[in-house]
């Protein structure tokens, strides 16, 4: 088990390793395995990359983000300009159904809503928007259309878990009801937790994923 000090040093090292992040602008504190990132970053993309880097560190049980996005003057844009950029970007994505995603922008914060057929469409819509100039934050509230029977979803997720994780490390139970998936058990890191959630989202018919997973040190 890592101490909080060891965990802090590992997170700092991982931030320094990530080329998209200016680690010198980000402070790291750790208490009881919960990592807090604070400071100022120059774009929403950098903030997101810092969050991803912290989650990759084994032993991180939770993440609190207190980073501010301070856009340089040239990056400041009106909400109307950002909304137009978002809509144009989404229209160019061949994997998205026409009219499937709605856009709202307030103070540089983009909210995506609507409904798509697959989880990867939801994730890629968010990825396409995250890097746009002027974006300060992103809320992704896109729904997934129901498609498959619960029994099929459960069996498919369990089979995928067995393929991707060593059986000695895997201690995950899957429950499905009306397209809502509940994951319980233990994983090795916050990064693994996010990967398990993403895996569950990948199956057609999944409308919501709830994790009751805990992280073993």
C-alpha atoms as a PDB file:
ATOM      1  CA  UNK A   1       0.000   0.000   0.000  1.00  0.00           C
ATOM      2  CA  UNK A   2       1.308   3.441  -0.903  1.00  0.00           C
ATOM      3  CA  UNK A   3       1.463   6.211   1.663  1.00  0.00           C
ATOM      4  CA  UNK A   4      -0.101   9.563   0.819  1.00  0.00           C
ATOM      5  CA  UNK A   5       3.393  10.988   0.345  1.00  0.00           C
ATOM      6  CA  UNK A   6       4.364   8.223  -2.094  1.00  0.00           C
ATOM      7  CA  UNK A   7       1.102   8.729  -3.959  1.00  0.00           C
ATOM      8  CA  UNK A   8       1.748  12.470  -4.157  1.00  0.00           C
ATOM      9  CA  UNK A   9       5.215  11.936  -5.630  1.00  0.00           C
ATOM     10  CA  UNK A  10       3.833   9.464  -8.190  1.00  0.00           C
ATOM     11  CA  UNK A  11       1.105  11.888  -9.296  1.00  0.00           C
ATOM     12  CA  UNK A  12       3.620  14.728  -9.609  1.00  0.00           C
ATOM     13  CA  UNK A  13       5.879  12.471 -11.695  1.00  0.00           C
ATOM     14  CA  UNK A  14       2.973  11.406 -13.932  1.00  0.00           C
ATOM     15  CA  UNK A  15       1.960  15.025 -14.508  1.00  0.00           C
ATOM     16  CA  UNK A  16       5.556  15.865 -15.452  1.00  0.00           C
ATOM     17  CA  UNK A  17       5.561  12.872 -17.822  1.00  0.00           C
ATOM     18  CA  UNK A  18       2.438  14.097 -19.658  1.00  0.00           C
ATOM     19  CA  UNK A  19       3.614  16.428 -22.494  1.00  0.00           C
ATOM     20  CA  UNK A  20       0.212  18.157 -22.798  1.00  0.00           C
ATOM     21  CA  UNK A  21       0.442  19.435 -19.209  1.00  0.00           C
ATOM     22  CA  UNK A  22       2.532  22.210 -17.682  1.00  0.00           C
ATOM     23  CA  UNK A  23       3.111  20.411 -14.388  1.00  0.00           C
ATOM     24  CA  UNK A  24       4.798  23.442 -12.785  1.00  0.00           C
ATOM     25  CA  UNK A  25       1.414  25.228 -12.738  1.00  0.00           C
ATOM     26  CA  UNK A  26      -0.410  22.426 -10.900  1.00  0.00           C
ATOM     27  CA  UNK A  27      -0.284  21.732  -7.172  1.00  0.00           C
ATOM     28  CA  UNK A  28      -0.895  18.245  -5.788  1.00  0.00           C
ATOM     29  CA  UNK A  29      -2.182  17.273  -2.351  1.00  0.00           C
ATOM     30  CA  UNK A  30      -3.150  13.803  -1.141  1.00  0.00           C
ATOM     31  CA  UNK A  31      -5.136  12.709   1.910  1.00  0.00           C
ATOM     32  CA  UNK A  32      -6.345   9.157   2.513  1.00  0.00           C
ATOM     33  CA  UNK A  33      -5.715   8.290  -1.133  1.00  0.00           C
ATOM     34  CA  UNK A  34      -7.799  11.195  -2.457  1.00  0.00           C
ATOM     35  CA  UNK A  35      -5.801  13.429  -4.810  1.00  0.00           C
ATOM     36  CA  UNK A  36      -6.524  17.152  -5.131  1.00  0.00           C
ATOM     37  CA  UNK A  37      -5.229  19.036  -8.169  1.00  0.00           C
ATOM     38  CA  UNK A  38      -5.134  22.829  -7.893  1.00  0.00           C
ATOM     39  CA  UNK A  39      -3.706  25.693  -9.914  1.00  0.00           C
ATOM     40  CA  UNK A  40      -4.204  27.403 -13.250  1.00  0.00           C
ATOM     41  CA  UNK A  41      -4.048  25.914 -16.746  1.00  0.00           C
ATOM     42  CA  UNK A  42      -4.181  27.561 -20.156  1.00  0.00           C
ATOM     43  CA  UNK A  43      -6.926  25.446 -21.740  1.00  0.00           C
ATOM     44  CA  UNK A  44      -9.681  22.996 -20.937  1.00  0.00           C
ATOM     45  CA  UNK A  45      -7.755  20.319 -22.827  1.00  0.00           C
ATOM     46  CA  UNK A  46      -4.790  20.726 -20.484  1.00  0.00           C
ATOM     47  CA  UNK A  47      -7.087  20.466 -17.467  1.00  0.00           C
ATOM     48  CA  UNK A  48      -8.612  17.261 -18.825  1.00  0.00           C
ATOM     49  CA  UNK A  49      -5.193  15.773 -19.603  1.00  0.00           C
ATOM     50  CA  UNK A  50      -4.048  16.525 -16.038  1.00  0.00           C
ATOM     51  CA  UNK A  51      -7.105  14.715 -14.662  1.00  0.00           C
ATOM     52  CA  UNK A  52      -6.386  11.712 -16.896  1.00  0.00           C
ATOM     53  CA  UNK A  53      -2.746  11.624 -15.793  1.00  0.00           C
ATOM     54  CA  UNK A  54      -3.689  11.585 -12.096  1.00  0.00           C
ATOM     55  CA  UNK A  55      -6.194   8.793 -12.649  1.00  0.00           C
ATOM     56  CA  UNK A  56      -3.531   6.606 -14.254  1.00  0.00           C
ATOM     57  CA  UNK A  57      -1.529   6.396 -11.026  1.00  0.00           C
ATOM     58  CA  UNK A  58      -2.028   3.145  -9.157  1.00  0.00           C
ATOM     59  CA  UNK A  59      -3.489   3.679  -5.682  1.00  0.00           C
ATOM     60  CA  UNK A  60      -5.475   6.843  -6.423  1.00  0.00           C
ATOM     61  CA  UNK A  61      -8.869   6.298  -4.799  1.00  0.00           C
ATOM     62  CA  UNK A  62     -10.514   9.568  -5.821  1.00  0.00           C
ATOM     63  CA  UNK A  63      -9.804  12.867  -7.526  1.00  0.00           C
ATOM     64  CA  UNK A  64     -10.811  16.417  -6.562  1.00  0.00           C
ATOM     65  CA  UNK A  65     -10.221  19.066  -9.228  1.00  0.00           C
ATOM     66  CA  UNK A  66      -9.709  22.688  -8.188  1.00  0.00           C
ATOM     67  CA  UNK A  67      -7.935  23.891 -11.324  1.00  0.00           C
ATOM     68  CA  UNK A  68      -9.009  27.068 -13.099  1.00  0.00           C
ATOM     69  CA  UNK A  69      -8.885  27.511 -16.866  1.00  0.00           C
ATOM     70  CA  UNK A  70      -7.294  30.892 -17.615  1.00  0.00           C
ATOM     71  CA  UNK A  71      -7.527  31.408 -21.346  1.00  0.00           C
ATOM     72  CA  UNK A  72      -4.992  33.769 -22.957  1.00  0.00           C
ATOM     73  CA  UNK A  73      -6.570  36.835 -24.566  1.00  0.00           C
ATOM     74  CA  UNK A  74      -6.486  35.435 -28.094  1.00  0.00           C
ATOM     75  CA  UNK A  75      -8.442  32.358 -26.921  1.00  0.00           C
ATOM     76  CA  UNK A  76     -11.352  34.277 -25.383  1.00  0.00           C
ATOM     77  CA  UNK A  77     -14.476  34.008 -27.536  1.00  0.00           C
ATOM     78  CA  UNK A  78     -18.142  34.829 -27.140  1.00  0.00           C
ATOM     79  CA  UNK A  79     -20.600  32.063 -26.296  1.00  0.00           C
ATOM     80  CA  UNK A  80     -22.215  32.528 -29.718  1.00  0.00           C
ATOM     81  CA  UNK A  81     -18.871  31.999 -31.477  1.00  0.00           C
ATOM     82  CA  UNK A  82     -18.147  28.894 -29.408  1.00  0.00           C
ATOM     83  CA  UNK A  83     -21.638  27.486 -30.072  1.00  0.00           C
ATOM     84  CA  UNK A  84     -21.200  27.931 -33.816  1.00  0.00           C
ATOM     85  CA  UNK A  85     -17.807  26.229 -33.697  1.00  0.00           C
ATOM     86  CA  UNK A  86     -19.222  23.315 -31.709  1.00  0.00           C
ATOM     87  CA  UNK A  87     -22.175  22.853 -34.053  1.00  0.00           C
ATOM     88  CA  UNK A  88     -19.966  23.028 -37.136  1.00  0.00           C
ATOM     89  CA  UNK A  89     -17.498  20.547 -35.649  1.00  0.00           C
ATOM     90  CA  UNK A  90     -20.229  18.057 -34.767  1.00  0.00           C
ATOM     91  CA  UNK A  91     -21.786  18.346 -38.225  1.00  0.00           C
ATOM     92  CA  UNK A  92     -18.481  17.241 -39.745  1.00  0.00           C
ATOM     93  CA  UNK A  93     -18.349  14.067 -37.640  1.00  0.00           C
ATOM     94  CA  UNK A  94     -19.544  11.215 -39.857  1.00  0.00           C
ATOM     95  CA  UNK A  95     -20.160   8.921 -36.875  1.00  0.00           C
ATOM     96  CA  UNK A  96     -22.869  11.168 -35.372  1.00  0.00           C
ATOM     97  CA  UNK A  97     -26.547  10.939 -36.390  1.00  0.00           C
ATOM     98  CA  UNK A  98     -27.785  14.191 -37.905  1.00  0.00           C
ATOM     99  CA  UNK A  99     -29.491  16.283 -35.243  1.00  0.00           C
ATOM    100  CA  UNK A 100     -28.639  13.765 -32.529  1.00  0.00           C
ATOM    101  CA  UNK A 101     -26.657  16.171 -30.339  1.00  0.00           C
ATOM    102  CA  UNK A 102     -27.866  19.510 -28.974  1.00  0.00           C
ATOM    103  CA  UNK A 103     -25.506  22.305 -27.913  1.00  0.00           C
ATOM    104  CA  UNK A 104     -25.719  24.967 -25.198  1.00  0.00           C
ATOM    105  CA  UNK A 105     -22.916  27.354 -24.185  1.00  0.00           C
ATOM    106  CA  UNK A 106     -22.807  29.578 -21.105  1.00  0.00           C
ATOM    107  CA  UNK A 107     -19.707  31.528 -20.048  1.00  0.00           C
ATOM    108  CA  UNK A 108     -17.548  29.262 -22.192  1.00  0.00           C
ATOM    109  CA  UNK A 109     -18.981  26.101 -20.631  1.00  0.00           C
ATOM    110  CA  UNK A 110     -20.412  23.724 -23.257  1.00  0.00           C
ATOM    111  CA  UNK A 111     -23.290  21.344 -22.511  1.00  0.00           C
ATOM    112  CA  UNK A 112     -24.035  18.520 -24.946  1.00  0.00           C
ATOM    113  CA  UNK A 113     -27.399  16.750 -24.778  1.00  0.00           C
ATOM    114  CA  UNK A 114     -29.567  14.621 -27.064  1.00  0.00           C
ATOM    115  CA  UNK A 115     -29.540  10.926 -27.904  1.00  0.00           C
ATOM    116  CA  UNK A 116     -27.288   8.650 -29.972  1.00  0.00           C
ATOM    117  CA  UNK A 117     -27.144   4.937 -30.781  1.00  0.00           C
ATOM    118  CA  UNK A 118     -23.744   4.033 -29.337  1.00  0.00           C
ATOM    119  CA  UNK A 119     -21.576   5.095 -26.421  1.00  0.00           C
ATOM    120  CA  UNK A 120     -18.552   5.671 -28.681  1.00  0.00           C
ATOM    121  CA  UNK A 121     -20.564   8.373 -30.476  1.00  0.00           C
ATOM    122  CA  UNK A 122     -21.164  10.102 -27.141  1.00  0.00           C
ATOM    123  CA  UNK A 123     -17.477   9.913 -26.209  1.00  0.00           C
ATOM    124  CA  UNK A 124     -16.211  11.129 -29.578  1.00  0.00           C
ATOM    125  CA  UNK A 125     -18.618  14.064 -29.604  1.00  0.00           C
ATOM    126  CA  UNK A 126     -17.106  15.148 -26.282  1.00  0.00           C
ATOM    127  CA  UNK A 127     -13.567  14.605 -27.611  1.00  0.00           C
ATOM    128  CA  UNK A 128     -14.281  16.744 -30.675  1.00  0.00           C
ATOM    129  CA  UNK A 129     -15.552  19.640 -28.556  1.00  0.00           C
ATOM    130  CA  UNK A 130     -12.995  19.489 -25.755  1.00  0.00           C
ATOM    131  CA  UNK A 131     -10.169  20.858 -27.908  1.00  0.00           C
ATOM    132  CA  UNK A 132     -12.011  23.819 -29.429  1.00  0.00           C
ATOM    133  CA  UNK A 133     -10.686  27.316 -28.841  1.00  0.00           C
ATOM    134  CA  UNK A 134     -12.471  29.194 -26.063  1.00  0.00           C
ATOM    135  CA  UNK A 135     -14.010  26.176 -24.308  1.00  0.00           C
ATOM    136  CA  UNK A 136     -13.638  26.450 -20.526  1.00  0.00           C
ATOM    137  CA  UNK A 137     -15.518  23.328 -19.517  1.00  0.00           C
ATOM    138  CA  UNK A 138     -17.747  20.541 -20.798  1.00  0.00           C
ATOM    139  CA  UNK A 139     -20.843  18.765 -19.504  1.00  0.00           C
ATOM    140  CA  UNK A 140     -21.768  15.708 -21.534  1.00  0.00           C
ATOM    141  CA  UNK A 141     -25.416  14.657 -21.009  1.00  0.00           C
ATOM    142  CA  UNK A 142     -26.026  12.661 -24.190  1.00  0.00           C
ATOM    143  CA  UNK A 143     -28.333   9.658 -23.777  1.00  0.00           C
ATOM    144  CA  UNK A 144     -28.104   6.215 -25.406  1.00  0.00           C
ATOM    145  CA  UNK A 145     -31.078   4.693 -27.218  1.00  0.00           C
ATOM    146  CA  UNK A 146     -32.208   1.339 -25.734  1.00  0.00           C
ATOM    147  CA  UNK A 147     -31.506  -1.616 -28.032  1.00  0.00           C
ATOM    148  CA  UNK A 148     -30.602  -4.948 -26.427  1.00  0.00           C
ATOM    149  CA  UNK A 149     -32.050  -7.329 -23.858  1.00  0.00           C
ATOM    150  CA  UNK A 150     -30.658  -7.178 -20.307  1.00  0.00           C
ATOM    151  CA  UNK A 151     -29.507 -10.810 -20.369  1.00  0.00           C
ATOM    152  CA  UNK A 152     -27.399 -10.211 -23.464  1.00  0.00           C
ATOM    153  CA  UNK A 153     -25.814  -7.063 -22.011  1.00  0.00           C
ATOM    154  CA  UNK A 154     -24.812  -8.839 -18.786  1.00  0.00           C
ATOM    155  CA  UNK A 155     -23.269 -11.827 -20.580  1.00  0.00           C
ATOM    156  CA  UNK A 156     -21.398  -9.650 -23.068  1.00  0.00           C
ATOM    157  CA  UNK A 157     -19.910  -7.384 -20.379  1.00  0.00           C
ATOM    158  CA  UNK A 158     -18.814 -10.348 -18.255  1.00  0.00           C
ATOM    159  CA  UNK A 159     -17.167 -11.982 -21.280  1.00  0.00           C
ATOM    160  CA  UNK A 160     -15.324  -8.752 -22.151  1.00  0.00           C
ATOM    161  CA  UNK A 161     -14.085  -8.394 -18.567  1.00  0.00           C
ATOM    162  CA  UNK A 162     -12.633 -11.903 -18.682  1.00  0.00           C
ATOM    163  CA  UNK A 163     -10.846 -11.136 -21.954  1.00  0.00           C
ATOM    164  CA  UNK A 164      -9.261  -7.905 -20.757  1.00  0.00           C
ATOM    165  CA  UNK A 165      -8.397  -8.461 -17.088  1.00  0.00           C
ATOM    166  CA  UNK A 166      -6.383 -11.163 -15.390  1.00  0.00           C
ATOM    167  CA  UNK A 167      -8.748 -13.445 -13.496  1.00  0.00           C
ATOM    168  CA  UNK A 168      -6.644 -13.004 -10.333  1.00  0.00           C
ATOM    169  CA  UNK A 169      -7.115  -9.240 -10.464  1.00  0.00           C
ATOM    170  CA  UNK A 170     -10.742  -9.292 -11.495  1.00  0.00           C
ATOM    171  CA  UNK A 171     -13.357  -9.141  -8.760  1.00  0.00           C
ATOM    172  CA  UNK A 172     -16.250  -7.453 -10.541  1.00  0.00           C
ATOM    173  CA  UNK A 173     -19.946  -8.287 -10.456  1.00  0.00           C
ATOM    174  CA  UNK A 174     -22.322  -7.096 -13.182  1.00  0.00           C
ATOM    175  CA  UNK A 175     -26.040  -6.476 -12.681  1.00  0.00           C
ATOM    176  CA  UNK A 176     -28.400  -5.180 -15.387  1.00  0.00           C
ATOM    177  CA  UNK A 177     -31.956  -3.924 -15.180  1.00  0.00           C
ATOM    178  CA  UNK A 178     -33.778  -2.116 -18.010  1.00  0.00           C
ATOM    179  CA  UNK A 179     -30.522  -1.048 -19.628  1.00  0.00           C
ATOM    180  CA  UNK A 180     -29.032   0.248 -16.360  1.00  0.00           C
ATOM    181  CA  UNK A 181     -25.744  -1.475 -15.488  1.00  0.00           C
ATOM    182  CA  UNK A 182     -24.411  -1.672 -11.924  1.00  0.00           C
ATOM    183  CA  UNK A 183     -20.772  -2.674 -11.402  1.00  0.00           C
ATOM    184  CA  UNK A 184     -19.590  -3.796  -7.976  1.00  0.00           C
ATOM    185  CA  UNK A 185     -16.395  -5.311  -6.623  1.00  0.00           C
ATOM    186  CA  UNK A 186     -12.766  -4.196  -6.539  1.00  0.00           C
ATOM    187  CA  UNK A 187     -10.234  -2.867  -9.066  1.00  0.00           C
ATOM    188  CA  UNK A 188      -6.548  -2.002  -8.829  1.00  0.00           C
ATOM    189  CA  UNK A 189      -6.663   1.736  -9.581  1.00  0.00           C
ATOM    190  CA  UNK A 190      -8.878   4.686 -10.475  1.00  0.00           C
ATOM    191  CA  UNK A 191      -7.634   4.243 -14.038  1.00  0.00           C
ATOM    192  CA  UNK A 192      -8.905   0.636 -14.081  1.00  0.00           C
ATOM    193  CA  UNK A 193     -12.211   1.828 -12.645  1.00  0.00           C
ATOM    194  CA  UNK A 194     -12.667   4.262 -15.542  1.00  0.00           C
ATOM    195  CA  UNK A 195     -11.700   1.584 -18.080  1.00  0.00           C
ATOM    196  CA  UNK A 196     -14.254  -0.850 -16.637  1.00  0.00           C
ATOM    197  CA  UNK A 197     -16.930   1.857 -16.820  1.00  0.00           C
ATOM    198  CA  UNK A 198     -16.000   2.579 -20.449  1.00  0.00           C
ATOM    199  CA  UNK A 199     -16.155  -1.125 -21.281  1.00  0.00           C
ATOM    200  CA  UNK A 200     -19.664  -1.404 -19.833  1.00  0.00           C
ATOM    201  CA  UNK A 201     -20.777   1.644 -21.823  1.00  0.00           C
ATOM    202  CA  UNK A 202     -19.596   0.035 -25.075  1.00  0.00           C
ATOM    203  CA  UNK A 203     -22.513  -2.362 -25.368  1.00  0.00           C
ATOM    204  CA  UNK A 204     -25.691  -1.489 -27.285  1.00  0.00           C
ATOM    205  CA  UNK A 205     -28.692  -0.939 -25.059  1.00  0.00           C
ATOM    206  CA  UNK A 206     -26.758   0.369 -22.056  1.00  0.00           C
ATOM    207  CA  UNK A 207     -28.428   3.608 -20.939  1.00  0.00           C
ATOM    208  CA  UNK A 208     -26.676   4.219 -17.620  1.00  0.00           C
ATOM    209  CA  UNK A 209     -23.649   2.822 -15.790  1.00  0.00           C
ATOM    210  CA  UNK A 210     -23.384   3.003 -12.008  1.00  0.00           C
ATOM    211  CA  UNK A 211     -20.233   1.812 -10.282  1.00  0.00           C
ATOM    212  CA  UNK A 212     -20.089   0.575  -6.719  1.00  0.00           C
ATOM    213  CA  UNK A 213     -16.460  -0.385  -7.296  1.00  0.00           C
ATOM    214  CA  UNK A 214     -13.798   0.125  -4.676  1.00  0.00           C
ATOM    215  CA  UNK A 215     -10.060   0.483  -5.260  1.00  0.00           C
ATOM    216  CA  UNK A 216      -7.666  -1.965  -3.637  1.00  0.00           C
ATOM    217  CA  UNK A 217      -4.217  -0.657  -2.750  1.00  0.00           C
END
